[in-house]
C-alpha cells in the first residue's frame, strides 16, 4: 500500500527528485523556485516520499485517535476516517489538517510540516482505500 501511496502522491502533487531541501527546517522546496505556501511544502514532502509512517502513527495516536478512534472507525467526537478517505484526495486531507472543519480543530500552527506530511501518509496507509 505504501508504494501505491507514494506513486499516487507523486502523480497528484507533481513531485520530482529535484526539489531542494532546506536543512534548517527539513522542508523541501523552500527556495523561491520551489513550493512557497505551507500546504505546498507539505505536499512536496509527501510527493517526494519524504514521510515517516511511524512518526505519522505517533502523531495520530497523540492528536487524532481521541476523536477518530484507534482503528480509524471514528467515535462520538469525530467521523470514521475509513469513510472519509474513500473519496478524499491527499490535497483535501492536508487542507483539513491545516485548517480544520466540520468540528475538527485546525493544526496549521500546532503541527510542523513534517508532522502533517507524516500523519497524512499514515492515515492513507492505515485507513485509506485498498
C-alpha atoms as a PDB file:
ATOM      1  CA  UNK A   1       0.000   0.000   0.000  1.00  0.00           C
ATOM      2  CA  UNK A   2       2.867   2.400   0.837  1.00  0.00           C
ATOM      3  CA  UNK A   3       4.332   2.121  -2.666  1.00  0.00           C
ATOM      4  CA  UNK A   4       0.946   2.839  -4.206  1.00  0.00           C
ATOM      5  CA  UNK A   5       0.517   5.825  -1.865  1.00  0.00           C
ATOM      6  CA  UNK A   6       3.871   7.316  -2.830  1.00  0.00           C
ATOM      7  CA  UNK A   7       3.140   6.832  -6.530  1.00  0.00           C
ATOM      8  CA  UNK A   8      -0.328   8.343  -6.146  1.00  0.00           C
ATOM      9  CA  UNK A   9       1.075  11.303  -4.280  1.00  0.00           C
ATOM     10  CA  UNK A  10       3.878  11.860  -6.756  1.00  0.00           C
ATOM     11  CA  UNK A  11       1.412  11.967  -9.612  1.00  0.00           C
ATOM     12  CA  UNK A  12      -1.181  14.028  -7.723  1.00  0.00           C
ATOM     13  CA  UNK A  13       1.307  16.551  -6.418  1.00  0.00           C
ATOM     14  CA  UNK A  14       3.632  16.724  -9.411  1.00  0.00           C
ATOM     15  CA  UNK A  15       6.647  15.828  -7.282  1.00  0.00           C
ATOM     16  CA  UNK A  16      10.071  15.059  -8.619  1.00  0.00           C
ATOM     17  CA  UNK A  17      13.509  14.357  -7.186  1.00  0.00           C
ATOM     18  CA  UNK A  18      14.882  17.841  -7.885  1.00  0.00           C
ATOM     19  CA  UNK A  19      13.094  19.741  -5.114  1.00  0.00           C
ATOM     20  CA  UNK A  20      15.718  21.276  -2.787  1.00  0.00           C
ATOM     21  CA  UNK A  21      15.722  20.633   0.947  1.00  0.00           C
ATOM     22  CA  UNK A  22      16.232  23.400   3.493  1.00  0.00           C
ATOM     23  CA  UNK A  23      18.500  21.806   6.088  1.00  0.00           C
ATOM     24  CA  UNK A  24      17.365  24.186   8.832  1.00  0.00           C
ATOM     25  CA  UNK A  25      13.663  23.283   8.649  1.00  0.00           C
ATOM     26  CA  UNK A  26      13.679  19.938   6.896  1.00  0.00           C
ATOM     27  CA  UNK A  27      11.181  21.345   4.398  1.00  0.00           C
ATOM     28  CA  UNK A  28      11.555  20.593   0.741  1.00  0.00           C
ATOM     29  CA  UNK A  29      11.214  23.350  -1.776  1.00  0.00           C
ATOM     30  CA  UNK A  30      11.790  26.375   0.413  1.00  0.00           C
ATOM     31  CA  UNK A  31      13.631  28.335  -2.268  1.00  0.00           C
ATOM     32  CA  UNK A  32      11.908  30.871  -4.494  1.00  0.00           C
ATOM     33  CA  UNK A  33      11.779  28.257  -7.271  1.00  0.00           C
ATOM     34  CA  UNK A  34      10.025  25.688  -5.100  1.00  0.00           C
ATOM     35  CA  UNK A  35       6.746  25.467  -3.195  1.00  0.00           C
ATOM     36  CA  UNK A  36       6.113  28.531  -1.066  1.00  0.00           C
ATOM     37  CA  UNK A  37       2.954  28.011   0.960  1.00  0.00           C
ATOM     38  CA  UNK A  38       2.839  25.724   3.953  1.00  0.00           C
ATOM     39  CA  UNK A  39       0.425  23.459   2.076  1.00  0.00           C
ATOM     40  CA  UNK A  40       2.704  23.333  -0.987  1.00  0.00           C
ATOM     41  CA  UNK A  41       5.719  22.439   1.150  1.00  0.00           C
ATOM     42  CA  UNK A  42       3.783  19.645   2.884  1.00  0.00           C
ATOM     43  CA  UNK A  43       2.510  18.252  -0.424  1.00  0.00           C
ATOM     44  CA  UNK A  44       6.059  18.383  -1.824  1.00  0.00           C
ATOM     45  CA  UNK A  45       7.330  16.331   1.137  1.00  0.00           C
ATOM     46  CA  UNK A  46       4.625  13.740   0.527  1.00  0.00           C
ATOM     47  CA  UNK A  47       5.180  13.648  -3.246  1.00  0.00           C
ATOM     48  CA  UNK A  48       8.918  13.187  -2.690  1.00  0.00           C
ATOM     49  CA  UNK A  49       8.242  10.263  -0.343  1.00  0.00           C
ATOM     50  CA  UNK A  50       9.865  12.287   2.428  1.00  0.00           C
ATOM     51  CA  UNK A  51       7.499  10.882   5.073  1.00  0.00           C
ATOM     52  CA  UNK A  52       7.846   8.614   8.085  1.00  0.00           C
ATOM     53  CA  UNK A  53       4.834   6.352   8.606  1.00  0.00           C
ATOM     54  CA  UNK A  54       5.960   5.515  12.166  1.00  0.00           C
ATOM     55  CA  UNK A  55       6.161   9.190  13.047  1.00  0.00           C
ATOM     56  CA  UNK A  56       2.749   9.698  11.452  1.00  0.00           C
ATOM     57  CA  UNK A  57       1.345   6.918  13.614  1.00  0.00           C
ATOM     58  CA  UNK A  58       2.746   8.653  16.697  1.00  0.00           C
ATOM     59  CA  UNK A  59       1.169  11.958  15.675  1.00  0.00           C
ATOM     60  CA  UNK A  60      -2.137  10.166  15.041  1.00  0.00           C
ATOM     61  CA  UNK A  61      -2.006   8.458  18.449  1.00  0.00           C
ATOM     62  CA  UNK A  62      -1.301  11.728  20.225  1.00  0.00           C
ATOM     63  CA  UNK A  63      -3.539  14.119  18.291  1.00  0.00           C
ATOM     64  CA  UNK A  64      -6.184  12.235  16.284  1.00  0.00           C
ATOM     65  CA  UNK A  65      -7.032   8.950  17.971  1.00  0.00           C
ATOM     66  CA  UNK A  66      -9.242  10.567  20.625  1.00  0.00           C
ATOM     67  CA  UNK A  67     -11.766  11.670  18.005  1.00  0.00           C
ATOM     68  CA  UNK A  68     -11.173   9.337  15.064  1.00  0.00           C
ATOM     69  CA  UNK A  69     -10.602   6.170  17.098  1.00  0.00           C
ATOM     70  CA  UNK A  70      -7.753   3.722  17.449  1.00  0.00           C
ATOM     71  CA  UNK A  71      -8.784   1.943  14.277  1.00  0.00           C
ATOM     72  CA  UNK A  72      -9.917   4.989  12.286  1.00  0.00           C
ATOM     73  CA  UNK A  73     -13.566   3.998  12.716  1.00  0.00           C
ATOM     74  CA  UNK A  74     -14.491   7.255  14.435  1.00  0.00           C
ATOM     75  CA  UNK A  75     -16.259   7.982  17.702  1.00  0.00           C
ATOM     76  CA  UNK A  76     -18.948  10.265  19.052  1.00  0.00           C
ATOM     77  CA  UNK A  77     -16.363  13.077  18.748  1.00  0.00           C
ATOM     78  CA  UNK A  78     -15.204  12.534  15.157  1.00  0.00           C
ATOM     79  CA  UNK A  79     -16.041  10.754  11.909  1.00  0.00           C
ATOM     80  CA  UNK A  80     -14.615   7.480  10.646  1.00  0.00           C
ATOM     81  CA  UNK A  81     -11.536   8.098   8.535  1.00  0.00           C
ATOM     82  CA  UNK A  82     -12.177   4.911   6.620  1.00  0.00           C
ATOM     83  CA  UNK A  83     -15.328   6.544   5.214  1.00  0.00           C
ATOM     84  CA  UNK A  84     -13.796   9.992   4.666  1.00  0.00           C
ATOM     85  CA  UNK A  85     -10.675   8.701   2.909  1.00  0.00           C
ATOM     86  CA  UNK A  86     -12.614   6.606   0.385  1.00  0.00           C
ATOM     87  CA  UNK A  87     -13.109   9.639  -1.877  1.00  0.00           C
ATOM     88  CA  UNK A  88     -10.606  12.138  -0.475  1.00  0.00           C
ATOM     89  CA  UNK A  89      -7.508  13.428  -2.223  1.00  0.00           C
ATOM     90  CA  UNK A  90      -4.207  14.000  -0.473  1.00  0.00           C
ATOM     91  CA  UNK A  91      -4.648  17.724  -1.019  1.00  0.00           C
ATOM     92  CA  UNK A  92      -8.057  17.665   0.674  1.00  0.00           C
ATOM     93  CA  UNK A  93      -6.744  15.785   3.704  1.00  0.00           C
ATOM     94  CA  UNK A  94      -3.800  18.149   4.110  1.00  0.00           C
ATOM     95  CA  UNK A  95      -6.184  21.115   3.872  1.00  0.00           C
ATOM     96  CA  UNK A  96      -8.457  19.686   6.592  1.00  0.00           C
ATOM     97  CA  UNK A  97      -5.492  19.008   8.883  1.00  0.00           C
ATOM     98  CA  UNK A  98      -4.218  22.543   8.309  1.00  0.00           C
ATOM     99  CA  UNK A  99      -7.492  24.435   8.605  1.00  0.00           C
ATOM    100  CA  UNK A 100      -9.894  22.073  10.373  1.00  0.00           C
ATOM    101  CA  UNK A 101     -13.571  21.901   9.514  1.00  0.00           C
ATOM    102  CA  UNK A 102     -16.802  20.150  10.474  1.00  0.00           C
ATOM    103  CA  UNK A 103     -15.912  20.454  14.149  1.00  0.00           C
ATOM    104  CA  UNK A 104     -12.242  19.495  13.768  1.00  0.00           C
ATOM    105  CA  UNK A 105      -9.694  21.960  15.065  1.00  0.00           C
ATOM    106  CA  UNK A 106      -7.005  23.408  12.805  1.00  0.00           C
ATOM    107  CA  UNK A 107      -3.449  22.117  13.226  1.00  0.00           C
ATOM    108  CA  UNK A 108      -1.729  24.678  10.969  1.00  0.00           C
ATOM    109  CA  UNK A 109       0.005  26.340  13.920  1.00  0.00           C
ATOM    110  CA  UNK A 110       0.222  23.223  16.093  1.00  0.00           C
ATOM    111  CA  UNK A 111       1.958  20.585  13.969  1.00  0.00           C
ATOM    112  CA  UNK A 112       5.131  21.004  11.921  1.00  0.00           C
ATOM    113  CA  UNK A 113       5.161  20.449   8.172  1.00  0.00           C
ATOM    114  CA  UNK A 114       6.889  17.059   8.587  1.00  0.00           C
ATOM    115  CA  UNK A 115       4.316  16.009  11.206  1.00  0.00           C
ATOM    116  CA  UNK A 116       1.411  16.923   8.909  1.00  0.00           C
ATOM    117  CA  UNK A 117       3.027  15.107   5.974  1.00  0.00           C
ATOM    118  CA  UNK A 118       3.717  12.059   8.146  1.00  0.00           C
ATOM    119  CA  UNK A 119       0.219  11.841   9.651  1.00  0.00           C
ATOM    120  CA  UNK A 120      -1.368  12.307   6.219  1.00  0.00           C
ATOM    121  CA  UNK A 121       0.724   9.464   4.811  1.00  0.00           C
ATOM    122  CA  UNK A 122      -0.084   7.317   7.847  1.00  0.00           C
ATOM    123  CA  UNK A 123      -3.872   7.742   7.625  1.00  0.00           C
ATOM    124  CA  UNK A 124      -3.874   6.913   3.914  1.00  0.00           C
ATOM    125  CA  UNK A 125      -1.640   3.910   4.541  1.00  0.00           C
ATOM    126  CA  UNK A 126      -3.629   2.636   7.527  1.00  0.00           C
ATOM    127  CA  UNK A 127      -7.209   3.658   6.717  1.00  0.00           C
ATOM    128  CA  UNK A 128      -7.301   4.631   3.047  1.00  0.00           C
ATOM    129  CA  UNK A 129      -8.827   2.629   0.233  1.00  0.00           C
ATOM    130  CA  UNK A 130      -7.131  -0.643  -0.628  1.00  0.00           C
END
